[in-house]
Amino acid sequence: NQQPAAIIFNTLILLAFFVPFGYLMDRVMYRTYQRKQGAAKTAKA
């Protein structure tokens, strides 16, 4: 129903949301990991 140029444009819009969301998830995972690492170090201490 759409031309390939329109589909490419829609893909770029999806990527504009996907890349920052991926970075945000990486950041959340890293902060959680840091928190667990700090908790493990204090438990060992």
ModelCIF file with pLDDT and N, C-alpha, C, O atoms, coordinates in Angstrom:
data_MODEL
#
_entry.id   MODEL 
#
_entity.id                         1 
_entity.type                       polymer 
_entity.pdbx_number_of_molecules   1 
#
_entity_poly.entity_id                      1 
_entity_poly.type                           'polypeptide(L)' 
_entity_poly.nstd_linkage                   no 
_entity_poly.nstd_monomer                   no 
_entity_poly.pdbx_seq_one_letter_code       NQQPAAIIFNTLILLAFFVPFGYLMDRVMYRTYQRKQGAAKTAKA 
_entity_poly.pdbx_seq_one_letter_code_can   NQQPAAIIFNTLILLAFFVPFGYLMDRVMYRTYQRKQGAAKTAKA 
_entity_poly.pdbx_strand_id                 A 
#
loop_
_entity_poly_seq.entity_id 
_entity_poly_seq.num 
_entity_poly_seq.mon_id 
_entity_poly_seq.hetero 
1 1  ASN n 
1 2  GLN n 
1 3  GLN n 
1 4  PRO n 
1 5  ALA n 
1 6  ALA n 
1 7  ILE n 
1 8  ILE n 
1 9  PHE n 
1 10 ASN n 
1 11 THR n 
1 12 LEU n 
1 13 ILE n 
1 14 LEU n 
1 15 LEU n 
1 16 ALA n 
1 17 PHE n 
1 18 PHE n 
1 19 VAL n 
1 20 PRO n 
1 21 PHE n 
1 22 GLY n 
1 23 TYR n 
1 24 LEU n 
1 25 MET n 
1 26 ASP n 
1 27 ARG n 
1 28 VAL n 
1 29 MET n 
1 30 TYR n 
1 31 ARG n 
1 32 THR n 
1 33 TYR n 
1 34 GLN n 
1 35 ARG n 
1 36 LYS n 
1 37 GLN n 
1 38 GLY n 
1 39 ALA n 
1 40 ALA n 
1 41 LYS n 
1 42 THR n 
1 43 ALA n 
1 44 LYS n 
1 45 ALA n 
#
_struct_asym.id          A 
_struct_asym.entity_id   1 
#
loop_
_ma_qa_metric.id 
_ma_qa_metric.mode 
_ma_qa_metric.name 
_ma_qa_metric.software_group_id 
_ma_qa_metric.type 
1 global pLDDT . pLDDT 
2 local  pLDDT . pLDDT 
#
_ma_qa_metric_global.metric_id      1 
_ma_qa_metric_global.metric_value   88.71 
_ma_qa_metric_global.model_id       1 
_ma_qa_metric_global.ordinal_id     1 
#
loop_
_ma_qa_metric_local.label_asym_id 
_ma_qa_metric_local.label_comp_id 
_ma_qa_metric_local.label_seq_id 
_ma_qa_metric_local.metric_id 
_ma_qa_metric_local.metric_value 
_ma_qa_metric_local.model_id 
_ma_qa_metric_local.ordinal_id 
A ASN 1  2 84.00 1 1  
A GLN 2  2 83.00 1 2  
A GLN 3  2 87.00 1 3  
A PRO 4  2 86.00 1 4  
A ALA 5  2 90.00 1 5  
A ALA 6  2 91.00 1 6  
A ILE 7  2 91.00 1 7  
A ILE 8  2 92.00 1 8  
A PHE 9  2 94.00 1 9  
A ASN 10 2 93.00 1 10 
A THR 11 2 94.00 1 11 
A LEU 12 2 95.00 1 12 
A ILE 13 2 95.00 1 13 
A LEU 14 2 94.00 1 14 
A LEU 15 2 95.00 1 15 
A ALA 16 2 95.00 1 16 
A PHE 17 2 95.00 1 17 
A PHE 18 2 95.00 1 18 
A VAL 19 2 95.00 1 19 
A PRO 20 2 96.00 1 20 
A PHE 21 2 96.00 1 21 
A GLY 22 2 95.00 1 22 
A TYR 23 2 96.00 1 23 
A LEU 24 2 96.00 1 24 
A MET 25 2 95.00 1 25 
A ASP 26 2 94.00 1 26 
A ARG 27 2 95.00 1 27 
A VAL 28 2 94.00 1 28 
A MET 29 2 91.00 1 29 
A TYR 30 2 92.00 1 30 
A ARG 31 2 92.00 1 31 
A THR 32 2 90.00 1 32 
A TYR 33 2 89.00 1 33 
A GLN 34 2 88.00 1 34 
A ARG 35 2 88.00 1 35 
A LYS 36 2 85.00 1 36 
A GLN 37 2 82.00 1 37 
A GLY 38 2 82.00 1 38 
A ALA 39 2 76.00 1 39 
A ALA 40 2 74.00 1 40 
A LYS 41 2 74.00 1 41 
A THR 42 2 76.00 1 42 
A ALA 43 2 71.00 1 43 
A LYS 44 2 70.00 1 44 
A ALA 45 2 71.00 1 45 
#
loop_
_atom_site.group_PDB 
_atom_site.id 
_atom_site.type_symbol 
_atom_site.label_atom_id 
_atom_site.label_alt_id 
_atom_site.label_comp_id 
_atom_site.label_asym_id 
_atom_site.label_entity_id 
_atom_site.label_seq_id 
_atom_site.pdbx_PDB_ins_code 
_atom_site.Cartn_x 
_atom_site.Cartn_y 
_atom_site.Cartn_z 
_atom_site.occupancy 
_atom_site.B_iso_or_equiv 
_atom_site.pdbx_formal_charge 
_atom_site.auth_seq_id 
_atom_site.auth_comp_id 
_atom_site.auth_asym_id 
_atom_site.auth_atom_id 
_atom_site.pdbx_PDB_model_num 
ATOM 1   N N  . ASN A 1 1  ? 0.824  -1.212 0.000  1.00 84.00 ? 1  ASN A N  1 
ATOM 2   C CA . ASN A 1 1  ? 0.000  0.000  0.000  1.00 84.00 ? 1  ASN A CA 1 
ATOM 3   C C  . ASN A 1 1  ? 0.853  1.255  0.000  1.00 84.00 ? 1  ASN A C  1 
ATOM 4   O O  . ASN A 1 1  ? 0.390  2.317  -0.416 1.00 84.00 ? 1  ASN A O  1 
ATOM 5   N N  . GLN A 1 2  ? 2.097  1.150  0.462  1.00 83.00 ? 2  GLN A N  1 
ATOM 6   C CA . GLN A 1 2  ? 2.985  2.303  0.507  1.00 83.00 ? 2  GLN A CA 1 
ATOM 7   C C  . GLN A 1 2  ? 4.188  2.051  -0.377 1.00 83.00 ? 2  GLN A C  1 
ATOM 8   O O  . GLN A 1 2  ? 4.548  0.909  -0.662 1.00 83.00 ? 2  GLN A O  1 
ATOM 9   N N  . GLN A 1 3  ? 4.797  3.140  -0.802 1.00 87.00 ? 3  GLN A N  1 
ATOM 10  C CA . GLN A 1 3  ? 6.014  3.041  -1.587 1.00 87.00 ? 3  GLN A CA 1 
ATOM 11  C C  . GLN A 1 3  ? 7.184  2.724  -0.654 1.00 87.00 ? 3  GLN A C  1 
ATOM 12  O O  . GLN A 1 3  ? 7.119  3.020  0.539  1.00 87.00 ? 3  GLN A O  1 
ATOM 13  N N  . PRO A 1 4  ? 8.254  2.124  -1.187 1.00 86.00 ? 4  PRO A N  1 
ATOM 14  C CA . PRO A 1 4  ? 9.417  1.801  -0.348 1.00 86.00 ? 4  PRO A CA 1 
ATOM 15  C C  . PRO A 1 4  ? 10.021 3.023  0.348  1.00 86.00 ? 4  PRO A C  1 
ATOM 16  O O  . PRO A 1 4  ? 10.555 2.896  1.449  1.00 86.00 ? 4  PRO A O  1 
ATOM 17  N N  . ALA A 1 5  ? 9.945  4.200  -0.272 1.00 90.00 ? 5  ALA A N  1 
ATOM 18  C CA . ALA A 1 5  ? 10.479 5.408  0.377  1.00 90.00 ? 5  ALA A CA 1 
ATOM 19  C C  . ALA A 1 5  ? 9.701  5.719  1.658  1.00 90.00 ? 5  ALA A C  1 
ATOM 20  O O  . ALA A 1 5  ? 10.294 6.131  2.654  1.00 90.00 ? 5  ALA A O  1 
ATOM 21  N N  . ALA A 1 6  ? 8.400  5.529  1.639  1.00 91.00 ? 6  ALA A N  1 
ATOM 22  C CA . ALA A 1 6  ? 7.584  5.778  2.832  1.00 91.00 ? 6  ALA A CA 1 
ATOM 23  C C  . ALA A 1 6  ? 7.895  4.756  3.920  1.00 91.00 ? 6  ALA A C  1 
ATOM 24  O O  . ALA A 1 6  ? 7.909  5.086  5.106  1.00 91.00 ? 6  ALA A O  1 
ATOM 25  N N  . ILE A 1 7  ? 8.140  3.522  3.514  1.00 91.00 ? 7  ILE A N  1 
ATOM 26  C CA . ILE A 1 7  ? 8.470  2.484  4.496  1.00 91.00 ? 7  ILE A CA 1 
ATOM 27  C C  . ILE A 1 7  ? 9.840  2.784  5.117  1.00 91.00 ? 7  ILE A C  1 
ATOM 28  O O  . ILE A 1 7  ? 10.031 2.596  6.318  1.00 91.00 ? 7  ILE A O  1 
ATOM 29  N N  . ILE A 1 8  ? 10.784 3.248  4.304  1.00 92.00 ? 8  ILE A N  1 
ATOM 30  C CA . ILE A 1 8  ? 12.105 3.632  4.838  1.00 92.00 ? 8  ILE A CA 1 
ATOM 31  C C  . ILE A 1 8  ? 11.955 4.785  5.818  1.00 92.00 ? 8  ILE A C  1 
ATOM 32  O O  . ILE A 1 8  ? 12.601 4.794  6.866  1.00 92.00 ? 8  ILE A O  1 
ATOM 33  N N  . PHE A 1 9  ? 11.111 5.756  5.489  1.00 94.00 ? 9  PHE A N  1 
ATOM 34  C CA . PHE A 1 9  ? 10.868 6.885  6.385  1.00 94.00 ? 9  PHE A CA 1 
ATOM 35  C C  . PHE A 1 9  ? 10.272 6.405  7.714  1.00 94.00 ? 9  PHE A C  1 
ATOM 36  O O  . PHE A 1 9  ? 10.682 6.864  8.780  1.00 94.00 ? 9  PHE A O  1 
ATOM 37  N N  . ASN A 1 10 ? 9.314  5.490  7.649  1.00 93.00 ? 10 ASN A N  1 
ATOM 38  C CA . ASN A 1 10 ? 8.713  4.937  8.871  1.00 93.00 ? 10 ASN A CA 1 
ATOM 39  C C  . ASN A 1 10 ? 9.748  4.164  9.687  1.00 93.00 ? 10 ASN A C  1 
ATOM 40  O O  . ASN A 1 10 ? 9.735  4.209  10.917 1.00 93.00 ? 10 ASN A O  1 
ATOM 41  N N  . THR A 1 11 ? 10.639 3.456  9.001  1.00 94.00 ? 11 THR A N  1 
ATOM 42  C CA . THR A 1 11 ? 11.703 2.727  9.699  1.00 94.00 ? 11 THR A CA 1 
ATOM 43  C C  . THR A 1 11 ? 12.622 3.696  10.423 1.00 94.00 ? 11 THR A C  1 
ATOM 44  O O  . THR A 1 11 ? 13.029 3.428  11.553 1.00 94.00 ? 11 THR A O  1 
ATOM 45  N N  . LEU A 1 12 ? 12.958 4.818  9.794  1.00 95.00 ? 12 LEU A N  1 
ATOM 46  C CA . LEU A 1 12 ? 13.807 5.828  10.444 1.00 95.00 ? 12 LEU A CA 1 
ATOM 47  C C  . LEU A 1 12 ? 13.114 6.430  11.672 1.00 95.00 ? 12 LEU A C  1 
ATOM 48  O O  . LEU A 1 12 ? 13.758 6.718  12.681 1.00 95.00 ? 12 LEU A O  1 
ATOM 49  N N  . ILE A 1 13 ? 11.799 6.613  11.569 1.00 95.00 ? 13 ILE A N  1 
ATOM 50  C CA . ILE A 1 13 ? 11.064 7.120  12.736 1.00 95.00 ? 13 ILE A CA 1 
ATOM 51  C C  . ILE A 1 13 ? 11.115 6.102  13.877 1.00 95.00 ? 13 ILE A C  1 
ATOM 52  O O  . ILE A 1 13 ? 11.314 6.471  15.034 1.00 95.00 ? 13 ILE A O  1 
ATOM 53  N N  . LEU A 1 14 ? 10.935 4.823  13.547 1.00 94.00 ? 14 LEU A N  1 
ATOM 54  C CA . LEU A 1 14 ? 11.033 3.784  14.579 1.00 94.00 ? 14 LEU A CA 1 
ATOM 55  C C  . LEU A 1 14 ? 12.434 3.753  15.199 1.00 94.00 ? 14 LEU A C  1 
ATOM 56  O O  . LEU A 1 14 ? 12.574 3.588  16.411 1.00 94.00 ? 14 LEU A O  1 
ATOM 57  N N  . LEU A 1 15 ? 13.462 3.911  14.371 1.00 95.00 ? 15 LEU A N  1 
ATOM 58  C CA . LEU A 1 15 ? 14.827 3.940  14.895 1.00 95.00 ? 15 LEU A CA 1 
ATOM 59  C C  . LEU A 1 15 ? 15.056 5.150  15.797 1.00 95.00 ? 15 LEU A C  1 
ATOM 60  O O  . LEU A 1 15 ? 15.807 5.069  16.769 1.00 95.00 ? 15 LEU A O  1 
ATOM 61  N N  . ALA A 1 16 ? 14.410 6.271  15.477 1.00 95.00 ? 16 ALA A N  1 
ATOM 62  C CA . ALA A 1 16 ? 14.547 7.473  16.307 1.00 95.00 ? 16 ALA A CA 1 
ATOM 63  C C  . ALA A 1 16 ? 14.019 7.225  17.722 1.00 95.00 ? 16 ALA A C  1 
ATOM 64  O O  . ALA A 1 16 ? 14.467 7.865  18.673 1.00 95.00 ? 16 ALA A O  1 
ATOM 65  N N  . PHE A 1 17 ? 13.072 6.298  17.861 1.00 95.00 ? 17 PHE A N  1 
ATOM 66  C CA . PHE A 1 17 ? 12.583 5.925  19.195 1.00 95.00 ? 17 PHE A CA 1 
ATOM 67  C C  . PHE A 1 17 ? 13.376 4.757  19.786 1.00 95.00 ? 17 PHE A C  1 
ATOM 68  O O  . PHE A 1 17 ? 13.617 4.706  20.992 1.00 95.00 ? 17 PHE A O  1 
ATOM 69  N N  . PHE A 1 18 ? 13.770 3.838  18.938 1.00 95.00 ? 18 PHE A N  1 
ATOM 70  C CA . PHE A 1 18 ? 14.416 2.607  19.399 1.00 95.00 ? 18 PHE A CA 1 
ATOM 71  C C  . PHE A 1 18 ? 15.811 2.861  19.981 1.00 95.00 ? 18 PHE A C  1 
ATOM 72  O O  . PHE A 1 18 ? 16.147 2.298  21.023 1.00 95.00 ? 18 PHE A O  1 
ATOM 73  N N  . VAL A 1 19 ? 16.620 3.690  19.336 1.00 95.00 ? 19 VAL A N  1 
ATOM 74  C CA . VAL A 1 19 ? 17.999 3.916  19.788 1.00 95.00 ? 19 VAL A CA 1 
ATOM 75  C C  . VAL A 1 19 ? 18.044 4.600  21.165 1.00 95.00 ? 19 VAL A C  1 
ATOM 76  O O  . VAL A 1 19 ? 18.738 4.098  22.050 1.00 95.00 ? 19 VAL A O  1 
ATOM 77  N N  . PRO A 1 20 ? 17.337 5.724  21.387 1.00 96.00 ? 20 PRO A N  1 
ATOM 78  C CA . PRO A 1 20 ? 17.366 6.315  22.737 1.00 96.00 ? 20 PRO A CA 1 
ATOM 79  C C  . PRO A 1 20 ? 16.772 5.400  23.808 1.00 96.00 ? 20 PRO A C  1 
ATOM 80  O O  . PRO A 1 20 ? 17.254 5.368  24.940 1.00 96.00 ? 20 PRO A O  1 
ATOM 81  N N  . PHE A 1 21 ? 15.716 4.650  23.443 1.00 96.00 ? 21 PHE A N  1 
ATOM 82  C CA . PHE A 1 21 ? 15.130 3.723  24.407 1.00 96.00 ? 21 PHE A CA 1 
ATOM 83  C C  . PHE A 1 21 ? 16.131 2.615  24.759 1.00 96.00 ? 21 PHE A C  1 
ATOM 84  O O  . PHE A 1 21 ? 16.214 2.205  25.917 1.00 96.00 ? 21 PHE A O  1 
ATOM 85  N N  . GLY A 1 22 ? 16.885 2.132  23.776 1.00 95.00 ? 22 GLY A N  1 
ATOM 86  C CA . GLY A 1 22 ? 17.924 1.135  24.041 1.00 95.00 ? 22 GLY A CA 1 
ATOM 87  C C  . GLY A 1 22 ? 19.004 1.680  24.952 1.00 95.00 ? 22 GLY A C  1 
ATOM 88  O O  . GLY A 1 22 ? 19.480 0.985  25.849 1.00 95.00 ? 22 GLY A O  1 
ATOM 89  N N  . TYR A 1 23 ? 19.395 2.939  24.718 1.00 96.00 ? 23 TYR A N  1 
ATOM 90  C CA . TYR A 1 23 ? 20.393 3.572  25.588 1.00 96.00 ? 23 TYR A CA 1 
ATOM 91  C C  . TYR A 1 23 ? 19.849 3.707  27.008 1.00 96.00 ? 23 TYR A C  1 
ATOM 92  O O  . TYR A 1 23 ? 20.564 3.455  27.978 1.00 96.00 ? 23 TYR A O  1 
ATOM 93  N N  . LEU A 1 24 ? 18.593 4.103  27.124 1.00 96.00 ? 24 LEU A N  1 
ATOM 94  C CA . LEU A 1 24 ? 17.960 4.243  28.441 1.00 96.00 ? 24 LEU A CA 1 
ATOM 95  C C  . LEU A 1 24 ? 17.936 2.906  29.178 1.00 96.00 ? 24 LEU A C  1 
ATOM 96  O O  . LEU A 1 24 ? 18.218 2.853  30.375 1.00 96.00 ? 24 LEU A O  1 
ATOM 97  N N  . MET A 1 25 ? 17.604 1.833  28.472 1.00 95.00 ? 25 MET A N  1 
ATOM 98  C CA . MET A 1 25 ? 17.578 0.512  29.106 1.00 95.00 ? 25 MET A CA 1 
ATOM 99  C C  . MET A 1 25 ? 18.978 0.072  29.525 1.00 95.00 ? 25 MET A C  1 
ATOM 100 O O  . MET A 1 25 ? 19.146 -0.514 30.595 1.00 95.00 ? 25 MET A O  1 
ATOM 101 N N  . ASP A 1 26 ? 19.984 0.348  28.693 1.00 94.00 ? 26 ASP A N  1 
ATOM 102 C CA . ASP A 1 26 ? 21.362 0.043  29.073 1.00 94.00 ? 26 ASP A CA 1 
ATOM 103 C C  . ASP A 1 26 ? 21.756 0.797  30.332 1.00 94.00 ? 26 ASP A C  1 
ATOM 104 O O  . ASP A 1 26 ? 22.431 0.262  31.211 1.00 94.00 ? 26 ASP A O  1 
ATOM 105 N N  . ARG A 1 27 ? 21.324 2.039  30.400 1.00 95.00 ? 27 ARG A N  1 
ATOM 106 C CA . ARG A 1 27 ? 21.647 2.872  31.560 1.00 95.00 ? 27 ARG A CA 1 
ATOM 107 C C  . ARG A 1 27 ? 20.990 2.332  32.833 1.00 95.00 ? 27 ARG A C  1 
ATOM 108 O O  . ARG A 1 27 ? 21.615 2.290  33.892 1.00 95.00 ? 27 ARG A O  1 
ATOM 109 N N  . VAL A 1 28 ? 19.729 1.922  32.720 1.00 94.00 ? 28 VAL A N  1 
ATOM 110 C CA . VAL A 1 28 ? 19.017 1.352  33.871 1.00 94.00 ? 28 VAL A CA 1 
ATOM 111 C C  . VAL A 1 28 ? 19.702 0.061  34.329 1.00 94.00 ? 28 VAL A C  1 
ATOM 112 O O  . VAL A 1 28 ? 19.906 -0.154 35.524 1.00 94.00 ? 28 VAL A O  1 
ATOM 113 N N  . MET A 1 29 ? 20.052 -0.787 33.372 1.00 91.00 ? 29 MET A N  1 
ATOM 114 C CA . MET A 1 29 ? 20.716 -2.049 33.711 1.00 91.00 ? 29 MET A CA 1 
ATOM 115 C C  . MET A 1 29 ? 22.068 -1.797 34.376 1.00 91.00 ? 29 MET A C  1 
ATOM 116 O O  . MET A 1 29 ? 22.430 -2.483 35.332 1.00 91.00 ? 29 MET A O  1 
ATOM 117 N N  . TYR A 1 30 ? 22.805 -0.822 33.876 1.00 92.00 ? 30 TYR A N  1 
ATOM 118 C CA . TYR A 1 30 ? 24.124 -0.523 34.440 1.00 92.00 ? 30 TYR A CA 1 
ATOM 119 C C  . TYR A 1 30 ? 23.995 0.032  35.857 1.00 92.00 ? 30 TYR A C  1 
ATOM 120 O O  . TYR A 1 30 ? 24.773 -0.329 36.740 1.00 92.00 ? 30 TYR A O  1 
ATOM 121 N N  . ARG A 1 31 ? 23.026 0.897  36.070 1.00 92.00 ? 31 ARG A N  1 
ATOM 122 C CA . ARG A 1 31 ? 22.834 1.443  37.428 1.00 92.00 ? 31 ARG A CA 1 
ATOM 123 C C  . ARG A 1 31 ? 22.405 0.350  38.409 1.00 92.00 ? 31 ARG A C  1 
ATOM 124 O O  . ARG A 1 31 ? 22.849 0.329  39.557 1.00 92.00 ? 31 ARG A O  1 
ATOM 125 N N  . THR A 1 32 ? 21.549 -0.547 37.955 1.00 90.00 ? 32 THR A N  1 
ATOM 126 C CA . THR A 1 32 ? 21.138 -1.666 38.801 1.00 90.00 ? 32 THR A CA 1 
ATOM 127 C C  . THR A 1 32 ? 22.333 -2.547 39.134 1.00 90.00 ? 32 THR A C  1 
ATOM 128 O O  . THR A 1 32 ? 22.494 -2.984 40.273 1.00 90.00 ? 32 THR A O  1 
ATOM 129 N N  . TYR A 1 33 ? 23.165 -2.802 38.138 1.00 89.00 ? 33 TYR A N  1 
ATOM 130 C CA . TYR A 1 33 ? 24.378 -3.601 38.340 1.00 89.00 ? 33 TYR A CA 1 
ATOM 131 C C  . TYR A 1 33 ? 25.308 -2.918 39.338 1.00 89.00 ? 33 TYR A C  1 
ATOM 132 O O  . TYR A 1 33 ? 25.857 -3.573 40.224 1.00 89.00 ? 33 TYR A O  1 
ATOM 133 N N  . GLN A 1 34 ? 25.489 -1.603 39.198 1.00 88.00 ? 34 GLN A N  1 
ATOM 134 C CA . GLN A 1 34 ? 26.352 -0.863 40.122 1.00 88.00 ? 34 GLN A CA 1 
ATOM 135 C C  . GLN A 1 34 ? 25.802 -0.928 41.542 1.00 88.00 ? 34 GLN A C  1 
ATOM 136 O O  . GLN A 1 34 ? 26.560 -1.073 42.501 1.00 88.00 ? 34 GLN A O  1 
ATOM 137 N N  . ARG A 1 35 ? 24.485 -0.820 41.674 1.00 88.00 ? 35 ARG A N  1 
ATOM 138 C CA . ARG A 1 35 ? 23.868 -0.880 43.001 1.00 88.00 ? 35 ARG A CA 1 
ATOM 139 C C  . ARG A 1 35 ? 24.081 -2.252 43.633 1.00 88.00 ? 35 ARG A C  1 
ATOM 140 O O  . ARG A 1 35 ? 24.400 -2.354 44.818 1.00 88.00 ? 35 ARG A O  1 
ATOM 141 N N  . LYS A 1 36 ? 23.900 -3.316 42.828 1.00 85.00 ? 36 LYS A N  1 
ATOM 142 C CA . LYS A 1 36 ? 24.122 -4.671 43.347 1.00 85.00 ? 36 LYS A CA 1 
ATOM 143 C C  . LYS A 1 36 ? 25.578 -4.886 43.700 1.00 85.00 ? 36 LYS A C  1 
ATOM 144 O O  . LYS A 1 36 ? 25.887 -5.535 44.700 1.00 85.00 ? 36 LYS A O  1 
ATOM 145 N N  . GLN A 1 37 ? 26.472 -4.351 42.896 1.00 82.00 ? 37 GLN A N  1 
ATOM 146 C CA . GLN A 1 37 ? 27.894 -4.506 43.160 1.00 82.00 ? 37 GLN A CA 1 
ATOM 147 C C  . GLN A 1 37 ? 28.271 -3.798 44.452 1.00 82.00 ? 37 GLN A C  1 
ATOM 148 O O  . GLN A 1 37 ? 29.049 -4.320 45.251 1.00 82.00 ? 37 GLN A O  1 
ATOM 149 N N  . GLY A 1 38 ? 27.714 -2.608 44.653 1.00 82.00 ? 38 GLY A N  1 
ATOM 150 C CA . GLY A 1 38 ? 27.979 -1.882 45.895 1.00 82.00 ? 38 GLY A CA 1 
ATOM 151 C C  . GLY A 1 38 ? 27.410 -2.594 47.102 1.00 82.00 ? 38 GLY A C  1 
ATOM 152 O O  . GLY A 1 38 ? 28.034 -2.619 48.162 1.00 82.00 ? 38 GLY A O  1 
ATOM 153 N N  . ALA A 1 39 ? 26.224 -3.177 46.952 1.00 76.00 ? 39 ALA A N  1 
ATOM 154 C CA . ALA A 1 39 ? 25.606 -3.917 48.055 1.00 76.00 ? 39 ALA A CA 1 
ATOM 155 C C  . ALA A 1 39 ? 26.421 -5.165 48.379 1.00 76.00 ? 39 ALA A C  1 
ATOM 156 O O  . ALA A 1 39 ? 26.567 -5.527 49.547 1.00 76.00 ? 39 ALA A O  1 
ATOM 157 N N  . ALA A 1 40 ? 26.951 -5.821 47.350 1.00 74.00 ? 40 ALA A N  1 
ATOM 158 C CA . ALA A 1 40 ? 27.752 -7.019 47.582 1.00 74.00 ? 40 ALA A CA 1 
ATOM 159 C C  . ALA A 1 40 ? 29.059 -6.664 48.284 1.00 74.00 ? 40 ALA A C  1 
ATOM 160 O O  . ALA A 1 40 ? 29.522 -7.403 49.153 1.00 74.00 ? 40 ALA A O  1 
ATOM 161 N N  . LYS A 1 41 ? 29.654 -5.529 47.908 1.00 74.00 ? 41 LYS A N  1 
ATOM 162 C CA . LYS A 1 41 ? 30.900 -5.109 48.552 1.00 74.00 ? 41 LYS A CA 1 
ATOM 163 C C  . LYS A 1 41 ? 30.668 -4.751 50.014 1.00 74.00 ? 41 LYS A C  1 
ATOM 164 O O  . LYS A 1 41 ? 31.478 -5.095 50.876 1.00 74.00 ? 41 LYS A O  1 
ATOM 165 N N  . THR A 1 42 ? 29.555 -4.056 50.299 1.00 76.00 ? 42 THR A N  1 
ATOM 166 C CA . THR A 1 42 ? 29.280 -3.708 51.698 1.00 76.00 ? 42 THR A CA 1 
ATOM 167 C C  . THR A 1 42 ? 28.954 -4.951 52.505 1.00 76.00 ? 42 THR A C  1 
ATOM 168 O O  . THR A 1 42 ? 29.311 -5.033 53.680 1.00 76.00 ? 42 THR A O  1 
ATOM 169 N N  . ALA A 1 43 ? 28.279 -5.927 51.892 1.00 71.00 ? 43 ALA A N  1 
ATOM 170 C CA . ALA A 1 43 ? 27.985 -7.180 52.606 1.00 71.00 ? 43 ALA A CA 1 
ATOM 171 C C  . ALA A 1 43 ? 29.272 -7.928 52.920 1.00 71.00 ? 43 ALA A C  1 
ATOM 172 O O  . ALA A 1 43 ? 29.407 -8.503 54.000 1.00 71.00 ? 43 ALA A O  1 
ATOM 173 N N  . LYS A 1 44 ? 30.216 -7.926 51.989 1.00 70.00 ? 44 LYS A N  1 
ATOM 174 C CA . LYS A 1 44 ? 31.493 -8.575 52.247 1.00 70.00 ? 44 LYS A CA 1 
ATOM 175 C C  . LYS A 1 44 ? 32.259 -7.855 53.346 1.00 70.00 ? 44 LYS A C  1 
ATOM 176 O O  . LYS A 1 44 ? 32.891 -8.488 54.192 1.00 70.00 ? 44 LYS A O  1 
ATOM 177 N N  . ALA A 1 45 ? 32.198 -6.524 53.329 1.00 71.00 ? 45 ALA A N  1 
ATOM 178 C CA . ALA A 1 45 ? 32.890 -5.744 54.357 1.00 71.00 ? 45 ALA A CA 1 
ATOM 179 C C  . ALA A 1 45 ? 32.283 -6.010 55.735 1.00 71.00 ? 45 ALA A C  1 
ATOM 180 O O  . ALA A 1 45 ? 32.735 -5.442 56.729 1.00 71.00 ? 45 ALA A O  1 
#
